[in-house]
Amino acid sequence: MEQPSERKPLRADAARNVDKIITAARHCFREQGPDVPLQTIAATAGVGPATLFRNFSDKEQLVLSALSRELRQHVDPVAQAGLDGMDAAEGLFNLIDALMRVASDEANLLSAVAGRRGLLLGITQGLIEAMATLLERGQGQGSLRRDITIEDMVRLVAMLIGAVDTMEPGSEAWKRPVALAEDAIRTERLPRPLPEQSDIPGFSFSGRG
């Protein structure tokens, strides 16, 4: 399937339609869950189903495009700031924080492609490369454990994102497990308390379902 990054440049009117469809998709997924029909998204965007399908062949492509836009807007700049900064460990965890915020805010979008690892890899490969660079730099600076590999990091982030299913969408409950992970990966624990569970709205062991 054509990845969002491979799409050809669009005419101005077509680009506006794509933007309206992606914006509507994010709204509909947040409000109605991962099973929202494409016809509902088209109606919310104010376009016909034919216009939607002309730009997105199926729901997967629309979801990946919406997720890709969120990563470009909210995570890529954080990754670049980390690569440009002096403290690699801080840059790495700022990147993870940004990823987790998107995962929480767009939980239903992620659920729509749950288990499609190959598809998600297509829009996250650049972030994984940035994470690998920051990990290596942090190990060289002595702030991150030298026995941690990028494979460990990718699996750890995947587990953290998976934990979003136990939280209210859009909450900041992810901050506590991320802080625990940071304590495990740094060579020295930061002199700060863990985020208080009582201060995190919407915490639930029962998940969203």
C-alpha atoms as a PDB file:
ATOM      1  CA  MET A   1       0.000   0.000   0.000  1.00  0.00           C
ATOM      2  CA  GLU A   2       1.187   3.503  -0.769  1.00  0.00           C
ATOM      3  CA  GLN A   3       2.525   5.131   2.382  1.00  0.00           C
ATOM      4  CA  PRO A   4       1.458   8.722   3.231  1.00  0.00           C
ATOM      5  CA  SER A   5       5.014   9.955   2.673  1.00  0.00           C
ATOM      6  CA  GLU A   6       4.884   8.669  -0.927  1.00  0.00           C
ATOM      7  CA  ARG A   7       1.810  10.645  -1.986  1.00  0.00           C
ATOM      8  CA  LYS A   8       2.266  12.879  -5.034  1.00  0.00           C
ATOM      9  CA  PRO A   9       1.870  16.677  -4.675  1.00  0.00           C
ATOM     10  CA  LEU A  10      -1.785  17.705  -4.903  1.00  0.00           C
ATOM     11  CA  ARG A  11      -3.539  20.633  -6.517  1.00  0.00           C
ATOM     12  CA  ALA A  12      -4.622  23.334  -4.073  1.00  0.00           C
ATOM     13  CA  ASP A  13      -8.284  22.274  -4.061  1.00  0.00           C
ATOM     14  CA  ALA A  14      -7.408  18.607  -3.673  1.00  0.00           C
ATOM     15  CA  ALA A  15      -4.978  19.437  -0.865  1.00  0.00           C
ATOM     16  CA  ARG A  16      -7.742  21.329   0.940  1.00  0.00           C
ATOM     17  CA  ASN A  17     -10.030  18.312   0.632  1.00  0.00           C
ATOM     18  CA  VAL A  18      -7.344  16.029   2.030  1.00  0.00           C
ATOM     19  CA  ASP A  19      -6.808  18.391   4.958  1.00  0.00           C
ATOM     20  CA  LYS A  20     -10.561  18.517   5.664  1.00  0.00           C
ATOM     21  CA  ILE A  21     -10.836  14.725   5.501  1.00  0.00           C
ATOM     22  CA  ILE A  22      -7.895  14.136   7.856  1.00  0.00           C
ATOM     23  CA  THR A  23      -9.202  16.749  10.295  1.00  0.00           C
ATOM     24  CA  ALA A  24     -12.648  15.148  10.197  1.00  0.00           C
ATOM     25  CA  ALA A  25     -11.136  11.691  10.665  1.00  0.00           C
ATOM     26  CA  ARG A  26      -9.336  12.764  13.846  1.00  0.00           C
ATOM     27  CA  HIS A  27     -12.543  14.294  15.184  1.00  0.00           C
ATOM     28  CA  CYS A  28     -14.685  11.275  14.314  1.00  0.00           C
ATOM     29  CA  PHE A  29     -12.238   8.746  15.707  1.00  0.00           C
ATOM     30  CA  ARG A  30     -11.969  10.682  18.961  1.00  0.00           C
ATOM     31  CA  GLU A  31     -15.734  11.012  19.321  1.00  0.00           C
ATOM     32  CA  GLN A  32     -16.963   7.676  17.944  1.00  0.00           C
ATOM     33  CA  GLY A  33     -14.091   5.216  18.319  1.00  0.00           C
ATOM     34  CA  PRO A  34     -11.963   3.167  15.895  1.00  0.00           C
ATOM     35  CA  ASP A  35     -14.921   1.631  14.028  1.00  0.00           C
ATOM     36  CA  VAL A  36     -16.386   4.887  12.713  1.00  0.00           C
ATOM     37  CA  PRO A  37     -17.571   4.423   9.082  1.00  0.00           C
ATOM     38  CA  LEU A  38     -15.753   6.236   6.313  1.00  0.00           C
ATOM     39  CA  GLN A  39     -19.090   7.644   5.135  1.00  0.00           C
ATOM     40  CA  THR A  40     -19.426   9.426   8.490  1.00  0.00           C
ATOM     41  CA  ILE A  41     -15.959  10.898   8.089  1.00  0.00           C
ATOM     42  CA  ALA A  42     -16.781  12.097   4.568  1.00  0.00           C
ATOM     43  CA  ALA A  43     -20.003  13.739   5.764  1.00  0.00           C
ATOM     44  CA  THR A  44     -18.191  15.439   8.647  1.00  0.00           C
ATOM     45  CA  ALA A  45     -15.549  16.726   6.229  1.00  0.00           C
ATOM     46  CA  GLY A  46     -18.263  18.084   3.931  1.00  0.00           C
ATOM     47  CA  VAL A  47     -17.156  16.003   0.952  1.00  0.00           C
ATOM     48  CA  GLY A  48     -18.704  13.119  -0.928  1.00  0.00           C
ATOM     49  CA  PRO A  49     -17.604   9.507  -0.444  1.00  0.00           C
ATOM     50  CA  ALA A  50     -16.110   9.548  -3.941  1.00  0.00           C
ATOM     51  CA  THR A  51     -13.798  12.410  -2.959  1.00  0.00           C
ATOM     52  CA  LEU A  52     -12.676  10.521   0.140  1.00  0.00           C
ATOM     53  CA  PHE A  53     -11.959   7.317  -1.779  1.00  0.00           C
ATOM     54  CA  ARG A  54     -10.195   9.236  -4.538  1.00  0.00           C
ATOM     55  CA  ASN A  55      -7.657  10.385  -1.956  1.00  0.00           C
ATOM     56  CA  PHE A  56      -7.647   7.399   0.421  1.00  0.00           C
ATOM     57  CA  SER A  57      -8.158   3.898  -0.919  1.00  0.00           C
ATOM     58  CA  ASP A  58      -9.243   2.495   2.457  1.00  0.00           C
ATOM     59  CA  LYS A  59      -9.499   3.257   6.171  1.00  0.00           C
ATOM     60  CA  GLU A  60      -5.927   2.122   6.852  1.00  0.00           C
ATOM     61  CA  GLN A  61      -4.479   4.682   4.479  1.00  0.00           C
ATOM     62  CA  LEU A  62      -6.604   7.455   6.002  1.00  0.00           C
ATOM     63  CA  VAL A  63      -5.624   6.465   9.545  1.00  0.00           C
ATOM     64  CA  LEU A  64      -1.929   6.305   8.647  1.00  0.00           C
ATOM     65  CA  SER A  65      -2.128   9.710   6.986  1.00  0.00           C
ATOM     66  CA  ALA A  66      -3.786  11.190  10.058  1.00  0.00           C
ATOM     67  CA  LEU A  67      -1.212   9.628  12.382  1.00  0.00           C
ATOM     68  CA  SER A  68       1.629  10.704  10.106  1.00  0.00           C
ATOM     69  CA  ARG A  69       0.432  14.307  10.226  1.00  0.00           C
ATOM     70  CA  GLU A  70       0.284  14.221  14.028  1.00  0.00           C
ATOM     71  CA  LEU A  71       3.818  12.843  14.212  1.00  0.00           C
ATOM     72  CA  ARG A  72       5.148  15.457  11.791  1.00  0.00           C
ATOM     73  CA  GLN A  73       3.508  18.291  13.693  1.00  0.00           C
ATOM     74  CA  HIS A  74       4.058  17.235  17.298  1.00  0.00           C
ATOM     75  CA  VAL A  75       6.900  14.711  17.450  1.00  0.00           C
ATOM     76  CA  ASP A  76       9.327  15.419  14.595  1.00  0.00           C
ATOM     77  CA  PRO A  77      10.217  18.908  15.938  1.00  0.00           C
ATOM     78  CA  VAL A  78      10.896  17.422  19.377  1.00  0.00           C
ATOM     79  CA  ALA A  79      13.121  14.747  17.834  1.00  0.00           C
ATOM     80  CA  GLN A  80      15.067  17.375  15.894  1.00  0.00           C
ATOM     81  CA  ALA A  81      15.459  19.541  18.996  1.00  0.00           C
ATOM     82  CA  GLY A  82      16.859  16.524  20.832  1.00  0.00           C
ATOM     83  CA  LEU A  83      19.336  15.809  18.045  1.00  0.00           C
ATOM     84  CA  ASP A  84      20.417  19.465  18.081  1.00  0.00           C
ATOM     85  CA  GLY A  85      20.712  19.605  21.883  1.00  0.00           C
ATOM     86  CA  MET A  86      23.590  18.807  24.201  1.00  0.00           C
ATOM     87  CA  ASP A  87      21.846  16.437  26.642  1.00  0.00           C
ATOM     88  CA  ALA A  88      21.003  13.275  24.695  1.00  0.00           C
ATOM     89  CA  ALA A  89      19.126  11.571  27.536  1.00  0.00           C
ATOM     90  CA  GLU A  90      16.882  14.592  27.972  1.00  0.00           C
ATOM     91  CA  GLY A  91      16.307  14.664  24.213  1.00  0.00           C
ATOM     92  CA  LEU A  92      15.434  10.965  24.172  1.00  0.00           C
ATOM     93  CA  PHE A  93      12.834  11.246  26.896  1.00  0.00           C
ATOM     94  CA  ASN A  94      11.388  14.437  25.459  1.00  0.00           C
ATOM     95  CA  LEU A  95      10.883  12.424  22.264  1.00  0.00           C
ATOM     96  CA  ILE A  96       9.211   9.593  24.174  1.00  0.00           C
ATOM     97  CA  ASP A  97       6.997  12.101  26.000  1.00  0.00           C
ATOM     98  CA  ALA A  98       5.900  13.594  22.665  1.00  0.00           C
ATOM     99  CA  LEU A  99       5.137  10.136  21.258  1.00  0.00           C
ATOM    100  CA  MET A 100       3.126   9.199  24.328  1.00  0.00           C
ATOM    101  CA  ARG A 101       1.108  12.400  24.214  1.00  0.00           C
ATOM    102  CA  VAL A 102       0.127  11.677  20.604  1.00  0.00           C
ATOM    103  CA  ALA A 103      -0.627   8.045  21.498  1.00  0.00           C
ATOM    104  CA  SER A 104      -2.928   9.202  24.298  1.00  0.00           C
ATOM    105  CA  ASP A 105      -4.626  11.946  22.303  1.00  0.00           C
ATOM    106  CA  GLU A 106      -5.072   9.708  19.247  1.00  0.00           C
ATOM    107  CA  ALA A 107      -5.753   6.413  21.036  1.00  0.00           C
ATOM    108  CA  ASN A 108      -8.646   5.496  18.754  1.00  0.00           C
ATOM    109  CA  LEU A 109      -6.574   6.152  15.630  1.00  0.00           C
ATOM    110  CA  LEU A 110      -3.932   3.765  16.957  1.00  0.00           C
ATOM    111  CA  SER A 111      -6.594   1.183  17.771  1.00  0.00           C
ATOM    112  CA  ALA A 112      -7.729   1.276  14.147  1.00  0.00           C
ATOM    113  CA  VAL A 113      -4.320  -0.080  13.055  1.00  0.00           C
ATOM    114  CA  ALA A 114      -3.589  -2.173  16.152  1.00  0.00           C
ATOM    115  CA  GLY A 115      -1.321  -5.085  15.358  1.00  0.00           C
ATOM    116  CA  ARG A 116      -0.290  -3.681  11.959  1.00  0.00           C
ATOM    117  CA  ARG A 117       3.371  -3.309  12.915  1.00  0.00           C
ATOM    118  CA  GLY A 118       4.628  -3.091   9.354  1.00  0.00           C
ATOM    119  CA  LEU A 119       2.262  -0.252   8.514  1.00  0.00           C
ATOM    120  CA  LEU A 120       3.196   1.747  11.594  1.00  0.00           C
ATOM    121  CA  LEU A 121       6.889   1.195  10.925  1.00  0.00           C
ATOM    122  CA  GLY A 122       6.501   3.046   7.641  1.00  0.00           C
ATOM    123  CA  ILE A 123       5.614   6.294   9.441  1.00  0.00           C
ATOM    124  CA  THR A 124       7.863   5.872  12.486  1.00  0.00           C
ATOM    125  CA  GLN A 125      11.167   4.733  10.944  1.00  0.00           C
ATOM    126  CA  GLY A 126      12.670   8.223  11.096  1.00  0.00           C
ATOM    127  CA  LEU A 127      11.755   8.543  14.763  1.00  0.00           C
ATOM    128  CA  ILE A 128      13.321   5.173  15.538  1.00  0.00           C
ATOM    129  CA  GLU A 129      16.521   6.354  13.851  1.00  0.00           C
ATOM    130  CA  ALA A 130      16.487   9.542  15.944  1.00  0.00           C
ATOM    131  CA  MET A 131      15.918   7.459  19.060  1.00  0.00           C
ATOM    132  CA  ALA A 132      18.871   5.232  18.174  1.00  0.00           C
ATOM    133  CA  THR A 133      21.134   8.250  17.704  1.00  0.00           C
ATOM    134  CA  LEU A 134      20.074   9.791  21.016  1.00  0.00           C
ATOM    135  CA  LEU A 135      20.527   6.467  22.807  1.00  0.00           C
ATOM    136  CA  GLU A 136      24.050   6.070  21.452  1.00  0.00           C
ATOM    137  CA  ARG A 137      24.952   9.648  22.359  1.00  0.00           C
ATOM    138  CA  GLY A 138      23.503   9.288  25.839  1.00  0.00           C
ATOM    139  CA  GLN A 139      25.521   6.137  26.393  1.00  0.00           C
ATOM    140  CA  GLY A 140      28.641   7.983  25.248  1.00  0.00           C
ATOM    141  CA  GLN A 141      27.838  10.828  27.661  1.00  0.00           C
ATOM    142  CA  GLY A 142      27.440   8.323  30.480  1.00  0.00           C
ATOM    143  CA  SER A 143      23.843   9.265  31.258  1.00  0.00           C
ATOM    144  CA  LEU A 144      22.181   6.140  29.782  1.00  0.00           C
ATOM    145  CA  ARG A 145      22.920   2.497  30.547  1.00  0.00           C
ATOM    146  CA  ARG A 146      25.341   1.016  28.041  1.00  0.00           C
ATOM    147  CA  ASP A 147      23.596  -2.381  28.006  1.00  0.00           C
ATOM    148  CA  ILE A 148      20.383  -0.945  26.505  1.00  0.00           C
ATOM    149  CA  THR A 149      19.926  -1.544  22.751  1.00  0.00           C
ATOM    150  CA  ILE A 150      17.672   0.238  20.280  1.00  0.00           C
ATOM    151  CA  GLU A 151      15.661  -2.995  20.048  1.00  0.00           C
ATOM    152  CA  ASP A 152      15.076  -2.711  23.807  1.00  0.00           C
ATOM    153  CA  MET A 153      13.967   0.897  23.359  1.00  0.00           C
ATOM    154  CA  VAL A 154      11.533   0.125  20.543  1.00  0.00           C
ATOM    155  CA  ARG A 155       9.952  -2.687  22.581  1.00  0.00           C
ATOM    156  CA  LEU A 156       9.804  -0.509  25.683  1.00  0.00           C
ATOM    157  CA  VAL A 157       8.074   2.323  23.806  1.00  0.00           C
ATOM    158  CA  ALA A 158       5.662  -0.199  22.267  1.00  0.00           C
ATOM    159  CA  MET A 159       4.796  -1.452  25.759  1.00  0.00           C
ATOM    160  CA  LEU A 160       4.311   2.102  27.024  1.00  0.00           C
ATOM    161  CA  ILE A 161       2.011   2.894  24.105  1.00  0.00           C
ATOM    162  CA  GLY A 162       0.129  -0.357  24.747  1.00  0.00           C
ATOM    163  CA  ALA A 163      -0.506   0.817  28.316  1.00  0.00           C
ATOM    164  CA  VAL A 164      -2.562   3.709  26.912  1.00  0.00           C
ATOM    165  CA  ASP A 165      -5.422   1.180  26.654  1.00  0.00           C
ATOM    166  CA  THR A 166      -5.662   1.274  30.476  1.00  0.00           C
ATOM    167  CA  MET A 167      -6.050   5.070  30.519  1.00  0.00           C
ATOM    168  CA  GLU A 168      -8.655   7.632  29.633  1.00  0.00           C
ATOM    169  CA  PRO A 169      -7.955   9.004  26.130  1.00  0.00           C
ATOM    170  CA  GLY A 170      -6.228  12.358  26.318  1.00  0.00           C
ATOM    171  CA  SER A 171      -5.219  11.976  29.974  1.00  0.00           C
ATOM    172  CA  GLU A 172      -1.642  12.250  31.201  1.00  0.00           C
ATOM    173  CA  ALA A 173      -1.646   8.917  33.009  1.00  0.00           C
ATOM    174  CA  TRP A 174       1.247   7.842  30.754  1.00  0.00           C
ATOM    175  CA  LYS A 175       3.632  10.143  32.626  1.00  0.00           C
ATOM    176  CA  ARG A 176       4.047   7.752  35.564  1.00  0.00           C
ATOM    177  CA  PRO A 177       5.107   4.628  33.562  1.00  0.00           C
ATOM    178  CA  VAL A 178       7.385   6.805  31.412  1.00  0.00           C
ATOM    179  CA  ALA A 179       9.044   8.147  34.569  1.00  0.00           C
ATOM    180  CA  LEU A 180       9.526   4.586  35.812  1.00  0.00           C
ATOM    181  CA  ALA A 181      11.086   3.610  32.479  1.00  0.00           C
ATOM    182  CA  GLU A 182      13.392   6.627  32.605  1.00  0.00           C
ATOM    183  CA  ASP A 183      14.592   5.639  36.085  1.00  0.00           C
ATOM    184  CA  ALA A 184      15.389   2.155  34.754  1.00  0.00           C
ATOM    185  CA  ILE A 185      17.363   3.394  31.738  1.00  0.00           C
ATOM    186  CA  ARG A 186      19.367   6.269  33.174  1.00  0.00           C
ATOM    187  CA  THR A 187      22.640   5.490  34.912  1.00  0.00           C
ATOM    188  CA  GLU A 188      21.542   7.728  37.794  1.00  0.00           C
ATOM    189  CA  ARG A 189      17.977   8.255  38.977  1.00  0.00           C
ATOM    190  CA  LEU A 190      16.778  11.839  38.695  1.00  0.00           C
ATOM    191  CA  PRO A 191      16.141  13.632  42.026  1.00  0.00           C
ATOM    192  CA  ARG A 192      12.395  13.998  41.451  1.00  0.00           C
ATOM    193  CA  PRO A 193       9.331  12.134  42.691  1.00  0.00           C
ATOM    194  CA  LEU A 194       7.200  10.039  40.381  1.00  0.00           C
ATOM    195  CA  PRO A 195       4.021  11.720  39.129  1.00  0.00           C
ATOM    196  CA  GLU A 196       1.328  11.150  41.733  1.00  0.00           C
ATOM    197  CA  GLN A 197      -1.372   8.711  40.650  1.00  0.00           C
ATOM    198  CA  SER A 198      -4.033  10.802  42.378  1.00  0.00           C
ATOM    199  CA  ASP A 199      -3.020  13.784  40.230  1.00  0.00           C
ATOM    200  CA  ILE A 200      -3.652  11.886  36.988  1.00  0.00           C
ATOM    201  CA  PRO A 201      -7.258  12.245  35.793  1.00  0.00           C
ATOM    202  CA  GLY A 202      -9.194   9.268  34.502  1.00  0.00           C
ATOM    203  CA  PHE A 203      -6.923   6.503  35.835  1.00  0.00           C
ATOM    204  CA  SER A 204      -8.575   3.100  35.582  1.00  0.00           C
ATOM    205  CA  PHE A 205      -7.383  -0.490  35.775  1.00  0.00           C
ATOM    206  CA  SER A 206     -10.355  -1.550  33.672  1.00  0.00           C
ATOM    207  CA  GLY A 207      -9.263   0.263  30.505  1.00  0.00           C
ATOM    208  CA  ARG A 208     -11.421   2.102  28.011  1.00  0.00           C
ATOM    209  CA  GLY A 209     -13.541  -0.853  27.007  1.00  0.00           C
END
